[in-house]
Amino acid sequence: MADTKSNALSASGYYGANAEGKRILAVSAALELIAARASSSTPFNLEPEINNLSKYADQIQEAINKK
């Protein structure tokens, strides 16, 4: 699993990015998750998800930085 994480983050450019670039990648990942959820057949309200976008990006970055 660690190799998969490392490969995915290397491919995305995460490890070589500066702080702003890492944030952009985390926000992009959060938007992809929101988009996937929005495309499901379950009823979905976009506004709360967009309001939580920064929180989701924070959580993604925290998860990446855990050792």
N, C-alpha and C. Protein backbone atom coordinates (compact mmCIF):
# COMPACT_ATOMS: atom_id res chain seq x y z
N MET A 1 0.82 -1.19 0.00
CA MET A 1 0.00 0.00 0.00
C MET A 1 0.86 1.25 0.00
N ALA A 2 1.96 1.23 0.75
CA ALA A 2 2.84 2.40 0.80
C ALA A 2 3.40 2.70 -0.58
N ASP A 3 3.72 1.66 -1.36
CA ASP A 3 4.23 1.88 -2.70
C ASP A 3 3.17 2.53 -3.59
N THR A 4 1.93 2.11 -3.44
CA THR A 4 0.84 2.69 -4.22
C THR A 4 0.69 4.16 -3.89
N LYS A 5 0.70 4.50 -2.61
CA LYS A 5 0.58 5.90 -2.18
C LYS A 5 1.75 6.70 -2.73
N SER A 6 2.95 6.18 -2.58
CA SER A 6 4.14 6.87 -3.04
C SER A 6 4.09 7.09 -4.55
N ASN A 7 3.70 6.06 -5.30
CA ASN A 7 3.61 6.17 -6.75
C ASN A 7 2.57 7.20 -7.17
N ALA A 8 1.43 7.18 -6.52
CA ALA A 8 0.36 8.13 -6.87
C ALA A 8 0.79 9.56 -6.58
N LEU A 9 1.42 9.78 -5.44
CA LEU A 9 1.83 11.13 -5.08
C LEU A 9 3.00 11.60 -5.95
N SER A 10 3.88 10.70 -6.32
CA SER A 10 4.98 11.07 -7.20
C SER A 10 4.44 11.43 -8.59
N ALA A 11 3.51 10.63 -9.08
CA ALA A 11 2.93 10.87 -10.39
C ALA A 11 2.19 12.20 -10.44
N SER A 12 1.56 12.58 -9.34
CA SER A 12 0.80 13.83 -9.32
C SER A 12 1.71 15.04 -9.17
N GLY A 13 2.97 14.80 -8.84
CA GLY A 13 3.90 15.91 -8.61
C GLY A 13 3.84 16.45 -7.21
N TYR A 14 3.12 15.76 -6.33
CA TYR A 14 2.91 16.26 -4.96
C TYR A 14 4.23 16.45 -4.24
N TYR A 15 5.10 15.44 -4.28
CA TYR A 15 6.35 15.50 -3.51
C TYR A 15 7.26 16.63 -3.99
N GLY A 16 7.23 16.94 -5.27
CA GLY A 16 8.11 17.98 -5.79
C GLY A 16 7.50 19.37 -5.75
N ALA A 17 6.26 19.48 -5.32
CA ALA A 17 5.56 20.76 -5.34
C ALA A 17 5.88 21.59 -4.09
N ASN A 18 5.79 22.90 -4.25
CA ASN A 18 5.91 23.78 -3.09
C ASN A 18 4.59 23.76 -2.32
N ALA A 19 4.50 24.50 -1.23
CA ALA A 19 3.31 24.47 -0.38
C ALA A 19 2.04 24.84 -1.16
N GLU A 20 2.15 25.84 -2.01
CA GLU A 20 0.98 26.26 -2.80
C GLU A 20 0.57 25.16 -3.78
N GLY A 21 1.54 24.54 -4.42
CA GLY A 21 1.25 23.46 -5.35
C GLY A 21 0.61 22.27 -4.66
N LYS A 22 1.10 21.94 -3.46
CA LYS A 22 0.51 20.84 -2.69
C LYS A 22 -0.93 21.15 -2.33
N ARG A 23 -1.19 22.40 -1.98
CA ARG A 23 -2.56 22.79 -1.64
C ARG A 23 -3.47 22.68 -2.86
N ILE A 24 -2.98 23.12 -3.99
CA ILE A 24 -3.78 23.03 -5.22
C ILE A 24 -4.11 21.58 -5.54
N LEU A 25 -3.14 20.69 -5.38
CA LEU A 25 -3.39 19.27 -5.63
C LEU A 25 -4.40 18.69 -4.65
N ALA A 26 -4.33 19.10 -3.38
CA ALA A 26 -5.27 18.62 -2.38
C ALA A 26 -6.69 19.13 -2.67
N VAL A 27 -6.81 20.39 -3.05
CA VAL A 27 -8.12 20.94 -3.40
C VAL A 27 -8.67 20.23 -4.63
N SER A 28 -7.81 19.98 -5.60
CA SER A 28 -8.23 19.27 -6.81
C SER A 28 -8.75 17.87 -6.47
N ALA A 29 -8.05 17.18 -5.58
CA ALA A 29 -8.49 15.85 -5.16
C ALA A 29 -9.84 15.93 -4.45
N ALA A 30 -10.02 16.93 -3.60
CA ALA A 30 -11.29 17.10 -2.90
C ALA A 30 -12.43 17.37 -3.89
N LEU A 31 -12.15 18.18 -4.90
CA LEU A 31 -13.17 18.45 -5.92
C LEU A 31 -13.53 17.19 -6.69
N GLU A 32 -12.54 16.34 -6.96
CA GLU A 32 -12.82 15.07 -7.64
C GLU A 32 -13.74 14.19 -6.80
N LEU A 33 -13.50 14.16 -5.49
CA LEU A 33 -14.35 13.37 -4.61
C LEU A 33 -15.78 13.93 -4.57
N ILE A 34 -15.89 15.25 -4.52
CA ILE A 34 -17.23 15.88 -4.53
C ILE A 34 -17.93 15.56 -5.85
N ALA A 35 -17.20 15.65 -6.96
CA ALA A 35 -17.80 15.37 -8.27
C ALA A 35 -18.27 13.93 -8.36
N ALA A 36 -17.47 13.01 -7.82
CA ALA A 36 -17.87 11.60 -7.84
C ALA A 36 -19.14 11.39 -7.04
N ARG A 37 -19.20 12.03 -5.92
CA ARG A 37 -20.41 11.90 -5.08
C ARG A 37 -21.62 12.52 -5.76
N ALA A 38 -21.41 13.66 -6.42
CA ALA A 38 -22.50 14.35 -7.09
C ALA A 38 -23.05 13.53 -8.26
N SER A 39 -22.21 12.71 -8.85
CA SER A 39 -22.66 11.93 -10.00
C SER A 39 -23.36 10.62 -9.60
N SER A 40 -23.42 10.36 -8.30
CA SER A 40 -24.11 9.14 -7.85
C SER A 40 -25.62 9.33 -7.93
N SER A 41 -26.34 8.26 -7.77
CA SER A 41 -27.80 8.33 -7.87
C SER A 41 -28.46 8.81 -6.58
N THR A 42 -27.67 9.00 -5.53
CA THR A 42 -28.20 9.46 -4.25
C THR A 42 -28.47 10.97 -4.32
N PRO A 43 -29.55 11.43 -3.67
CA PRO A 43 -29.78 12.88 -3.64
C PRO A 43 -28.56 13.61 -3.07
N PHE A 44 -28.25 14.75 -3.64
CA PHE A 44 -27.00 15.44 -3.32
C PHE A 44 -27.21 16.94 -3.30
N ASN A 45 -26.70 17.61 -2.26
CA ASN A 45 -26.76 19.06 -2.16
C ASN A 45 -25.33 19.58 -2.28
N LEU A 46 -25.04 20.31 -3.31
CA LEU A 46 -23.68 20.76 -3.60
C LEU A 46 -23.17 21.82 -2.64
N GLU A 47 -24.03 22.72 -2.20
CA GLU A 47 -23.58 23.85 -1.38
C GLU A 47 -22.82 23.44 -0.11
N PRO A 48 -23.33 22.51 0.69
CA PRO A 48 -22.56 22.13 1.88
C PRO A 48 -21.20 21.50 1.54
N GLU A 49 -21.15 20.78 0.43
CA GLU A 49 -19.89 20.17 0.01
C GLU A 49 -18.87 21.25 -0.37
N ILE A 50 -19.30 22.23 -1.11
CA ILE A 50 -18.40 23.33 -1.49
C ILE A 50 -17.99 24.12 -0.25
N ASN A 51 -18.90 24.30 0.68
CA ASN A 51 -18.56 24.99 1.93
C ASN A 51 -17.51 24.23 2.73
N ASN A 52 -17.46 22.91 2.56
CA ASN A 52 -16.49 22.07 3.27
C ASN A 52 -15.24 21.78 2.46
N LEU A 53 -15.11 22.37 1.29
CA LEU A 53 -13.98 22.08 0.40
C LEU A 53 -12.64 22.29 1.10
N SER A 54 -12.47 23.38 1.79
CA SER A 54 -11.20 23.67 2.47
C SER A 54 -10.92 22.62 3.55
N LYS A 55 -11.96 22.24 4.27
CA LYS A 55 -11.81 21.20 5.31
C LYS A 55 -11.39 19.88 4.68
N TYR A 56 -12.01 19.53 3.57
CA TYR A 56 -11.66 18.28 2.89
C TYR A 56 -10.21 18.31 2.42
N ALA A 57 -9.78 19.45 1.86
CA ALA A 57 -8.40 19.58 1.39
C ALA A 57 -7.44 19.47 2.58
N ASP A 58 -7.80 20.07 3.71
CA ASP A 58 -6.97 19.94 4.92
C ASP A 58 -6.83 18.47 5.31
N GLN A 59 -7.93 17.75 5.29
CA GLN A 59 -7.92 16.35 5.69
C GLN A 59 -7.08 15.51 4.72
N ILE A 60 -7.15 15.82 3.45
CA ILE A 60 -6.34 15.10 2.47
C ILE A 60 -4.87 15.35 2.73
N GLN A 61 -4.49 16.61 2.97
CA GLN A 61 -3.09 16.92 3.24
C GLN A 61 -2.62 16.26 4.54
N GLU A 62 -3.46 16.27 5.55
CA GLU A 62 -3.09 15.60 6.82
C GLU A 62 -2.88 14.11 6.60
N ALA A 63 -3.75 13.49 5.81
CA ALA A 63 -3.62 12.06 5.54
C ALA A 63 -2.34 11.76 4.77
N ILE A 64 -1.98 12.59 3.85
CA ILE A 64 -0.76 12.38 3.07
C ILE A 64 0.46 12.51 3.97
N ASN A 65 0.44 13.46 4.89
CA ASN A 65 1.60 13.74 5.72
C ASN A 65 1.76 12.79 6.91
N LYS A 66 0.76 11.93 7.16
CA LYS A 66 0.88 10.95 8.25
C LYS A 66 1.93 9.92 7.89
N LYS A 67 2.65 9.51 8.89
CA LYS A 67 3.70 8.51 8.64
C LYS A 67 3.33 7.19 9.24
